Amino acid sequence: MDFTPTEAQTDLARLTGEVCAKLVTADRLRELDTPGRFDEQLWKALAETGVLAAALPDALGGSDFGELEQSAVLRELGRCVAAVPYLWSIVLGAGALARFGEADQHALAQRAGAGEVVLTAALSASLHDPIGAPGITATPASADSPASAADPASSNPTAAGISATDSAGGASPSRGTGAAWTLTGVATTVPYADRAERILVPALISGNDSAAGTVAVFLVDPANAAVTPQQVVDLSPEFLVEFANTPAELLGTVEAGADILTWLRERAWLGLSALQLGTLERALDITAEHTRTREQFGKAIGSFQSVAQRLADAYIDIGGLRLTVTQAAWRLSEGLPATEAVHIAKFWAAEAGHKVAHTVVHVHGGLGIDRDHITHNYFTAAKHHEFALGGATPHLLALGSQLAG
C-alpha cells in the first residue's frame, strides 16, 4: 500500500484543523464540560465549510470522498476532542443511507450532509458483549396478535438486543416500504440519540418465514422510543434506547442486512480508531511541551531518563496506531477485505489509548488529575475511545476467531 496522503486527505485535514483551531479553545472545552456535550457552533461551521457534505457521493451533492479522507477528518476532530457527531451522522448515518437506501432515504442523507439533521447508529449489542450478535429473536407474531404478545423481549426491558417483527404479522417485506416493521428490545450507549432524526438499528428478524433469524438494519424515529441518558466518562451524549413495538423502516433489503451491518461496524471501529489517533497525538504534543517547561531540581523534567522513556514508549504506541488506522482505511477505500485490519486498528486504539492516556496523566503530576486542566479532556476522550464498541480483549478475541476460522 501507499502511505502517501492523497491531496483530498491533506486539504480536508487542513480545513478541519483550521476550523477546530479557531473554535475549539481551552475555554470552549470548559464550557462544553457538561453531560450531553455537543458543540453546535463547530457543527455549523463544519457544514458551512463543506466538510460534512464532502463525504457524500457526487450524485447527492458531495465530493465522494471515502474512508481515507473521512479518517483524516476524524483524526483532526480527535486532536481537538471535538464534541460533534461526524462519525455517527456523516460516516455511518449519511454514508449508509447514500449507499443502501431508497430515494427518500437519500434525501435524508443530503440533509445530514448539510448539517440540518443528525443521524446515529445503535451498534453496541450489549454492555457485556459490545461486538457480539446485534439482537435477539422472538416468537413469530400472528396477524391477530400484537408483536408485544409474541415477543418475550418486550416484557424484558433489559434484554441485550432487539427483535424485529413484520407489523402485518405475515411475510417479511424484502425492501424498505415505510414503517412496515416494529422493533422490540434495548440498545445501549447510542450516541446523540436525543437529537437524532433517525437511528440506524441492526436487529434479528422474528417471524414464520425464511427471513426469521437473519440480520437486517432499520431506521427508527427516536421520538417513538424511550430515550434515557447514560453516564459516560467524557460526558459524551450517549443513551439507552428502549423499543416496544416501535415502528421501523427497513434500510436496503433483508438479504443485504448482514452486509450492511458489517459495513457499519467496520467503519465505526475504524472511525473510533482515527479519533483516538488524533486524541493521542495531541495529548503527547501537550505532554512533550510540559516536559520542556516544567522544572525539577533545576532541570526540565524532559531531561530525566525515566520521563524521556515514557514519552518514547508513547510515541511508538501512537506510531503503531497510525499505521494500523492507515492500513484499515486504505483496504476499505480499495474495496478489499478489511475486517481483520479494522479489528487490529481498534485493538491498537484501545491498547495505545490506555498506555498513552496514563502516561499523559503521570507525567503531568498533580496537573494530570486537575479536572480544569486540558489533559483531563484528553484523558477522558482516550478512555472513551478505548472502550467504545469494544476494548482490546473483545477485538483480539474476534481477530483470533477470524484467523482460526
Protein backbone atom coordinates (compact mmCIF):
# COMPACT_ATOMS: atom_id res chain seq x y z
CA MET A 1 0.00 0.00 0.00
CA ASP A 2 0.98 3.63 -0.49
CA PHE A 3 1.12 5.61 2.77
CA THR A 4 1.33 8.96 0.97
CA PRO A 5 -1.75 11.05 1.89
CA THR A 6 -4.00 11.97 -1.00
CA GLU A 7 -4.43 15.64 -1.88
CA ALA A 8 -8.02 15.43 -0.65
CA GLN A 9 -6.85 13.98 2.68
CA THR A 10 -4.38 16.80 3.16
CA ASP A 11 -6.84 19.53 2.17
CA LEU A 12 -9.70 18.20 4.30
CA ALA A 13 -7.44 17.68 7.29
CA ARG A 14 -6.06 21.21 6.98
CA LEU A 15 -9.52 22.74 6.64
CA THR A 16 -10.90 20.76 9.58
CA GLY A 17 -7.87 21.65 11.67
CA GLU A 18 -8.25 25.36 10.89
CA VAL A 19 -11.94 25.35 11.84
CA CYS A 20 -11.21 23.49 15.08
CA ALA A 21 -8.26 25.73 15.99
CA LYS A 22 -10.48 28.78 15.61
CA LEU A 23 -13.50 27.49 17.54
CA VAL A 24 -12.33 24.80 19.97
CA THR A 25 -10.28 26.66 22.56
CA ALA A 26 -9.48 25.57 26.11
CA ASP A 27 -12.18 27.92 27.38
CA ARG A 28 -14.68 26.46 24.93
CA LEU A 29 -13.89 22.95 26.16
CA ARG A 30 -14.58 24.10 29.71
CA GLU A 31 -17.97 25.42 28.58
CA LEU A 32 -18.75 22.06 26.99
CA ASP A 33 -17.86 20.06 30.11
CA THR A 34 -21.48 19.24 30.84
CA PRO A 35 -23.42 16.00 30.30
CA GLY A 36 -24.51 15.56 26.70
CA ARG A 37 -21.75 17.79 25.32
CA PHE A 38 -22.44 18.98 21.78
CA ASP A 39 -20.65 21.84 20.03
CA GLU A 40 -23.38 23.29 17.84
CA GLN A 41 -21.14 26.17 16.76
CA LEU A 42 -18.45 23.82 15.45
CA TRP A 43 -21.01 21.54 13.79
CA LYS A 44 -22.49 24.50 11.92
CA ALA A 45 -19.03 25.65 10.80
CA LEU A 46 -18.15 22.18 9.50
CA ALA A 47 -21.38 22.18 7.49
CA GLU A 48 -20.79 25.68 6.10
CA THR A 49 -17.23 24.88 5.01
CA GLY A 50 -18.37 21.71 3.20
CA VAL A 51 -16.51 19.28 5.45
CA LEU A 52 -19.69 17.33 6.21
CA ALA A 53 -21.04 17.10 2.67
CA ALA A 54 -17.65 16.09 1.23
CA ALA A 55 -18.25 12.51 2.36
CA LEU A 56 -21.45 12.17 0.29
CA PRO A 57 -21.49 10.81 -3.28
CA ASP A 58 -21.35 13.25 -6.18
CA ALA A 59 -24.99 12.48 -7.01
CA LEU A 60 -26.04 13.75 -3.58
CA GLY A 61 -24.06 16.97 -3.76
CA GLY A 62 -20.87 15.69 -2.15
CA SER A 63 -17.30 15.08 -3.28
CA ASP A 64 -17.41 11.28 -2.96
CA PHE A 65 -14.51 11.23 -0.50
CA GLY A 66 -14.05 7.83 1.08
CA GLU A 67 -12.52 6.21 4.11
CA LEU A 68 -9.05 7.74 3.78
CA GLU A 69 -10.42 11.27 3.65
CA GLN A 70 -13.02 10.61 6.35
CA SER A 71 -10.31 9.22 8.63
CA ALA A 72 -8.28 12.39 8.07
CA VAL A 73 -11.24 14.49 9.24
CA LEU A 74 -11.82 12.25 12.26
CA ARG A 75 -8.15 12.45 13.20
CA GLU A 76 -8.34 16.25 13.28
CA LEU A 77 -11.57 16.15 15.30
CA GLY A 78 -9.84 13.82 17.74
CA ARG A 79 -6.94 16.24 18.09
CA CYS A 80 -9.29 18.92 19.40
CA VAL A 81 -11.60 16.45 21.25
CA ALA A 82 -14.47 17.92 19.24
CA ALA A 83 -17.99 17.36 20.54
CA VAL A 84 -19.63 16.70 17.17
CA PRO A 85 -21.23 13.56 15.64
CA TYR A 86 -19.21 13.40 12.40
CA LEU A 87 -18.60 9.66 12.77
CA TRP A 88 -22.18 8.79 13.65
CA SER A 89 -24.14 11.21 11.50
CA ILE A 90 -21.95 11.53 8.40
CA VAL A 91 -19.69 8.48 8.07
CA LEU A 92 -22.24 5.94 9.32
CA GLY A 93 -25.68 7.53 9.03
CA ALA A 94 -25.48 9.51 5.81
CA GLY A 95 -22.97 7.06 4.35
CA ALA A 96 -25.24 4.05 4.85
CA LEU A 97 -28.34 5.84 3.57
CA ALA A 98 -26.48 7.01 0.47
CA ARG A 99 -25.11 3.54 -0.26
CA PHE A 100 -28.02 1.28 0.63
CA GLY A 101 -31.11 3.49 0.85
CA GLU A 102 -34.07 4.42 -1.32
CA ALA A 103 -34.69 7.87 -2.81
CA ASP A 104 -36.37 9.32 0.29
CA GLN A 105 -33.53 8.00 2.42
CA HIS A 106 -31.04 9.65 0.05
CA ALA A 107 -32.80 12.94 0.75
CA LEU A 108 -32.29 12.39 4.48
CA ALA A 109 -28.58 11.76 3.83
CA GLN A 110 -28.38 15.09 1.99
CA ARG A 111 -29.99 16.89 4.93
CA ALA A 112 -27.43 15.29 7.24
CA GLY A 113 -24.61 16.41 4.95
CA ALA A 114 -25.94 19.96 5.14
CA GLY A 115 -25.93 19.79 8.94
CA GLU A 116 -29.71 20.17 9.06
CA VAL A 117 -30.33 16.88 10.88
CA VAL A 118 -28.29 14.44 12.94
CA LEU A 119 -28.27 10.69 12.33
CA THR A 120 -26.83 7.98 14.55
CA ALA A 121 -26.46 4.21 14.86
CA ALA A 122 -27.12 1.70 17.65
CA LEU A 123 -24.18 -0.66 17.18
CA SER A 124 -23.34 -1.78 20.72
CA ALA A 125 -25.02 -5.16 21.13
CA SER A 126 -24.78 -5.01 24.92
CA LEU A 127 -22.53 -3.66 27.65
CA HIS A 128 -21.21 -7.19 28.23
CA ASP A 129 -20.63 -8.08 24.57
CA PRO A 130 -20.30 -4.84 22.56
CA ILE A 131 -19.29 -6.52 19.30
CA GLY A 132 -21.49 -9.62 19.54
CA ALA A 133 -24.78 -10.51 17.90
CA PRO A 134 -26.88 -7.40 17.28
CA GLY A 135 -30.07 -8.63 18.89
CA ILE A 136 -32.39 -11.40 19.99
CA THR A 137 -35.04 -13.37 18.16
CA ALA A 138 -38.60 -13.70 19.36
CA THR A 139 -41.70 -15.79 18.87
CA PRO A 140 -43.23 -15.11 15.45
CA ALA A 141 -46.12 -12.65 15.58
CA SER A 142 -49.50 -13.64 14.18
CA ALA A 143 -51.80 -11.38 12.16
CA ASP A 144 -54.31 -11.11 15.01
CA SER A 145 -51.74 -10.81 17.79
CA PRO A 146 -49.72 -7.71 18.68
CA ALA A 147 -45.97 -8.03 18.42
CA SER A 148 -45.61 -7.41 22.13
CA ALA A 149 -47.57 -10.54 22.98
CA ALA A 150 -45.48 -12.67 20.67
CA ASP A 151 -42.10 -11.29 21.66
CA PRO A 152 -40.74 -12.15 25.13
CA ALA A 153 -38.18 -9.35 24.81
CA SER A 154 -40.96 -6.78 25.01
CA SER A 155 -41.58 -7.71 28.65
CA ASN A 156 -37.87 -7.56 29.45
CA PRO A 157 -36.55 -4.00 29.06
CA THR A 158 -33.02 -5.11 29.93
CA ALA A 159 -32.80 -7.65 27.11
CA ALA A 160 -29.42 -7.33 25.40
CA GLY A 161 -30.72 -6.87 21.91
CA ILE A 162 -33.57 -6.15 19.59
CA SER A 163 -36.00 -8.32 17.66
CA ALA A 164 -37.85 -7.23 14.56
CA THR A 165 -41.34 -8.33 13.64
CA ASP A 166 -43.25 -7.61 10.46
CA SER A 167 -46.05 -5.38 11.72
CA ALA A 168 -48.52 -7.14 9.46
CA GLY A 169 -47.61 -10.44 11.05
CA GLY A 170 -47.01 -12.06 7.68
CA ALA A 171 -44.17 -12.49 5.25
CA SER A 172 -41.25 -10.14 5.76
CA PRO A 173 -41.07 -7.34 3.17
CA SER A 174 -37.70 -7.63 1.45
CA ARG A 175 -37.19 -3.91 0.79
CA GLY A 176 -37.83 -0.69 2.67
CA THR A 177 -41.56 0.04 2.44
CA GLY A 178 -42.07 2.74 5.07
CA ALA A 179 -42.81 1.78 8.67
CA ALA A 180 -43.65 -1.86 7.82
CA TRP A 181 -41.83 -3.27 10.85
CA THR A 182 -41.80 -2.94 14.62
CA LEU A 183 -38.79 -3.31 16.91
CA THR A 184 -38.71 -4.55 20.48
CA GLY A 185 -35.69 -4.57 22.78
CA VAL A 186 -32.95 -2.34 24.10
CA ALA A 187 -29.96 -0.57 22.56
CA THR A 188 -27.25 0.79 24.83
CA THR A 189 -24.77 3.68 24.52
CA VAL A 190 -26.43 5.15 21.42
CA PRO A 191 -24.63 8.44 20.63
CA TYR A 192 -26.68 11.61 20.08
CA ALA A 193 -29.99 9.73 20.28
CA ASP A 194 -31.56 12.75 21.97
CA ARG A 195 -31.14 14.95 18.89
CA ALA A 196 -31.14 12.35 16.10
CA GLU A 197 -33.70 12.46 13.32
CA ARG A 198 -33.28 8.71 12.80
CA ILE A 199 -31.34 5.88 14.44
CA LEU A 200 -29.90 3.02 12.38
CA VAL A 201 -30.72 -0.13 14.33
CA PRO A 202 -29.50 -3.67 13.49
CA ALA A 203 -31.98 -6.35 14.55
CA LEU A 204 -32.68 -10.07 14.22
CA ILE A 205 -35.87 -10.78 12.33
CA SER A 206 -38.52 -12.91 14.00
CA GLY A 207 -41.40 -14.41 12.13
CA ASN A 208 -42.50 -17.57 10.41
CA ASP A 209 -40.83 -17.23 7.03
CA SER A 210 -37.37 -17.86 5.61
CA ALA A 211 -36.08 -14.48 6.83
CA ALA A 212 -36.53 -15.40 10.50
CA GLY A 213 -33.26 -15.25 12.43
CA THR A 214 -31.43 -13.15 9.86
CA VAL A 215 -30.00 -9.69 10.48
CA ALA A 216 -31.43 -6.54 8.95
CA VAL A 217 -30.87 -2.84 9.57
CA PHE A 218 -33.72 -0.44 10.24
CA LEU A 219 -34.36 3.28 10.57
CA VAL A 220 -36.20 4.36 13.70
CA ASP A 221 -37.52 7.73 14.80
CA PRO A 222 -36.29 8.12 18.42
CA ALA A 223 -39.45 10.08 19.20
CA ASN A 224 -41.23 6.71 19.14
CA ALA A 225 -38.82 5.11 21.62
CA ALA A 226 -37.85 5.65 25.26
CA VAL A 227 -34.52 7.52 25.31
CA THR A 228 -32.67 7.68 28.65
CA PRO A 229 -29.29 9.42 29.22
CA GLN A 230 -26.35 7.26 30.32
CA GLN A 231 -23.34 8.43 32.29
CA VAL A 232 -20.21 8.41 30.14
CA VAL A 233 -16.65 9.11 31.27
CA ASP A 234 -16.10 12.02 28.85
CA LEU A 235 -19.66 13.39 29.15
CA SER A 236 -20.48 12.32 25.58
CA PRO A 237 -24.20 12.24 24.79
CA GLU A 238 -24.97 8.52 24.89
CA PHE A 239 -28.33 6.98 25.62
CA LEU A 240 -30.21 3.83 26.46
CA VAL A 241 -32.94 3.43 23.84
CA GLU A 242 -35.85 1.10 24.56
CA PHE A 243 -38.07 -0.11 21.75
CA ALA A 244 -41.53 -1.55 22.43
CA ASN A 245 -43.32 -2.37 19.18
CA THR A 246 -41.67 0.73 17.77
CA PRO A 247 -42.36 1.46 14.07
CA ALA A 248 -39.29 0.98 11.91
CA GLU A 249 -38.32 1.33 8.26
CA LEU A 250 -36.08 -1.21 6.56
CA LEU A 251 -32.76 0.01 5.14
CA GLY A 252 -31.86 -1.72 1.90
CA THR A 253 -33.04 -5.33 1.76
CA VAL A 254 -33.38 -8.15 4.26
CA GLU A 255 -30.96 -10.20 2.18
CA ALA A 256 -28.32 -7.45 2.41
CA GLY A 257 -28.78 -6.92 6.14
CA ALA A 258 -25.67 -8.78 7.27
CA ASP A 259 -23.52 -6.95 4.72
CA ILE A 260 -24.94 -3.58 5.79
CA LEU A 261 -24.18 -4.35 9.44
CA THR A 262 -20.61 -5.35 8.55
CA TRP A 263 -20.26 -2.12 6.54
CA LEU A 264 -21.43 -0.09 9.55
CA ARG A 265 -19.31 -1.90 12.13
CA GLU A 266 -16.09 -1.76 10.15
CA ARG A 267 -16.40 1.97 9.63
CA ALA A 268 -17.44 2.58 13.21
CA TRP A 269 -14.39 0.72 14.55
CA LEU A 270 -12.12 2.50 12.08
CA GLY A 271 -13.67 5.86 12.92
CA LEU A 272 -13.16 5.42 16.65
CA SER A 273 -9.55 4.40 15.96
CA ALA A 274 -8.98 7.52 13.84
CA LEU A 275 -10.47 9.71 16.57
CA GLN A 276 -8.19 8.01 19.09
CA LEU A 277 -5.17 8.61 16.87
CA GLY A 278 -5.79 12.35 16.81
CA THR A 279 -6.55 12.48 20.52
CA LEU A 280 -3.34 10.69 21.48
CA GLU A 281 -1.17 12.66 19.06
CA ARG A 282 -2.30 15.96 20.52
CA ALA A 283 -2.12 14.66 24.09
CA LEU A 284 1.51 13.65 23.53
CA ASP A 285 2.30 17.06 21.99
CA ILE A 286 0.87 18.79 25.08
CA THR A 287 2.83 16.48 27.37
CA ALA A 288 6.10 16.94 25.49
CA GLU A 289 5.71 20.71 25.77
CA HIS A 290 5.07 20.34 29.50
CA THR A 291 8.32 18.39 29.97
CA ARG A 292 10.25 21.18 28.26
CA THR A 293 8.92 23.89 30.57
CA ARG A 294 8.34 22.09 33.87
CA GLU A 295 11.49 22.03 36.02
CA GLN A 296 12.54 19.91 38.97
CA PHE A 297 15.93 20.02 40.68
CA GLY A 298 16.88 22.88 38.38
CA LYS A 299 16.31 20.92 35.16
CA ALA A 300 13.46 20.41 32.70
CA ILE A 301 11.80 17.10 33.59
CA GLY A 302 12.10 16.02 29.95
CA SER A 303 15.84 15.64 30.51
CA PHE A 304 15.26 12.85 33.04
CA GLN A 305 15.75 9.42 31.51
CA SER A 306 12.64 7.84 33.02
CA VAL A 307 10.40 10.63 31.69
CA ALA A 308 12.02 10.50 28.25
CA GLN A 309 11.48 6.74 28.12
CA ARG A 310 7.78 7.09 28.95
CA LEU A 311 7.35 9.61 26.14
CA ALA A 312 9.33 7.44 23.73
CA ASP A 313 7.10 4.46 24.50
CA ALA A 314 4.03 6.64 23.90
CA TYR A 315 5.46 7.83 20.60
CA ILE A 316 5.99 4.22 19.47
CA ASP A 317 2.47 3.21 20.50
CA ILE A 318 0.98 6.12 18.57
CA GLY A 319 3.08 5.19 15.54
CA GLY A 320 1.66 1.67 15.64
CA LEU A 321 -1.87 3.03 15.85
CA ARG A 322 -1.20 5.40 12.94
CA LEU A 323 0.00 2.55 10.72
CA THR A 324 -2.92 0.26 11.53
CA VAL A 325 -5.51 3.02 11.02
CA THR A 326 -3.96 3.88 7.65
CA GLN A 327 -3.87 0.22 6.62
CA ALA A 328 -7.51 -0.37 7.56
CA ALA A 329 -8.70 2.84 5.88
CA TRP A 330 -6.78 2.02 2.72
CA ARG A 331 -8.20 -1.51 2.50
CA LEU A 332 -11.74 -0.22 2.92
CA SER A 333 -11.17 2.51 0.34
CA GLU A 334 -9.89 -0.08 -2.15
CA GLY A 335 -12.82 -2.44 -1.59
CA LEU A 336 -10.56 -5.13 -0.13
CA PRO A 337 -11.50 -7.45 2.77
CA ALA A 338 -10.79 -5.32 5.83
CA THR A 339 -12.41 -6.91 8.88
CA GLU A 340 -9.10 -8.20 10.26
CA ALA A 341 -7.35 -4.90 9.60
CA VAL A 342 -10.11 -2.97 11.35
CA HIS A 343 -10.04 -5.27 14.39
CA ILE A 344 -6.27 -4.72 14.58
CA ALA A 345 -6.70 -0.94 14.38
CA LYS A 346 -9.33 -0.96 17.13
CA PHE A 347 -7.09 -3.15 19.31
CA TRP A 348 -4.27 -0.63 18.90
CA ALA A 349 -6.69 2.21 19.63
CA ALA A 350 -7.62 0.53 22.90
CA GLU A 351 -4.14 -0.62 23.91
CA ALA A 352 -2.32 2.58 22.94
CA GLY A 353 -5.17 4.62 24.36
CA HIS A 354 -4.77 3.04 27.77
CA LYS A 355 -0.98 3.37 27.91
CA VAL A 356 -0.63 6.84 26.40
CA ALA A 357 -3.52 8.34 28.38
CA HIS A 358 -2.00 7.20 31.66
CA THR A 359 1.45 8.41 30.60
CA VAL A 360 -0.02 11.87 29.96
CA VAL A 361 -1.56 11.96 33.44
CA HIS A 362 1.54 10.63 35.21
CA VAL A 363 4.00 12.99 33.51
CA HIS A 364 1.81 16.00 34.34
CA GLY A 365 1.89 15.06 38.03
CA GLY A 366 -0.71 16.93 40.07
CA LEU A 367 -1.92 18.80 36.99
CA GLY A 368 -2.83 15.46 35.45
CA ILE A 369 -5.64 14.93 37.94
CA ASP A 370 -6.93 18.51 37.81
CA ARG A 371 -10.29 18.42 36.04
CA ASP A 372 -9.85 22.01 34.93
CA HIS A 373 -6.60 21.23 33.10
CA ILE A 374 -6.71 20.42 29.39
CA THR A 375 -5.18 16.99 29.97
CA HIS A 376 -8.41 15.90 31.65
CA ASN A 377 -10.29 16.27 28.36
CA TYR A 378 -7.73 14.19 26.51
CA PHE A 379 -7.59 11.51 29.20
CA THR A 380 -11.36 11.03 29.31
CA ALA A 381 -11.66 11.13 25.50
CA ALA A 382 -8.95 8.47 25.20
CA LYS A 383 -10.73 6.25 27.75
CA HIS A 384 -14.00 6.67 25.85
CA HIS A 385 -12.44 5.71 22.51
CA GLU A 386 -10.64 2.80 24.20
CA PHE A 387 -13.83 1.06 25.26
CA ALA A 388 -16.47 2.29 22.78
CA LEU A 389 -17.73 -0.64 20.70
CA GLY A 390 -15.28 -2.99 22.38
CA GLY A 391 -11.94 -2.68 24.12
CA ALA A 392 -8.73 -4.58 23.41
CA THR A 393 -9.88 -8.01 24.59
CA PRO A 394 -13.07 -8.44 22.52
CA HIS A 395 -11.31 -7.29 19.37
CA LEU A 396 -8.41 -9.67 19.96
CA LEU A 397 -10.90 -12.49 20.51
CA ALA A 398 -12.73 -11.57 17.32
CA LEU A 399 -9.45 -11.41 15.42
CA GLY A 400 -8.46 -14.82 16.79
CA SER A 401 -11.76 -16.30 15.67
CA GLN A 402 -11.25 -14.85 12.19
CA LEU A 403 -7.74 -16.26 11.92
CA ALA A 404 -8.79 -19.66 13.27
CA GLY A 405 -11.91 -19.87 11.14
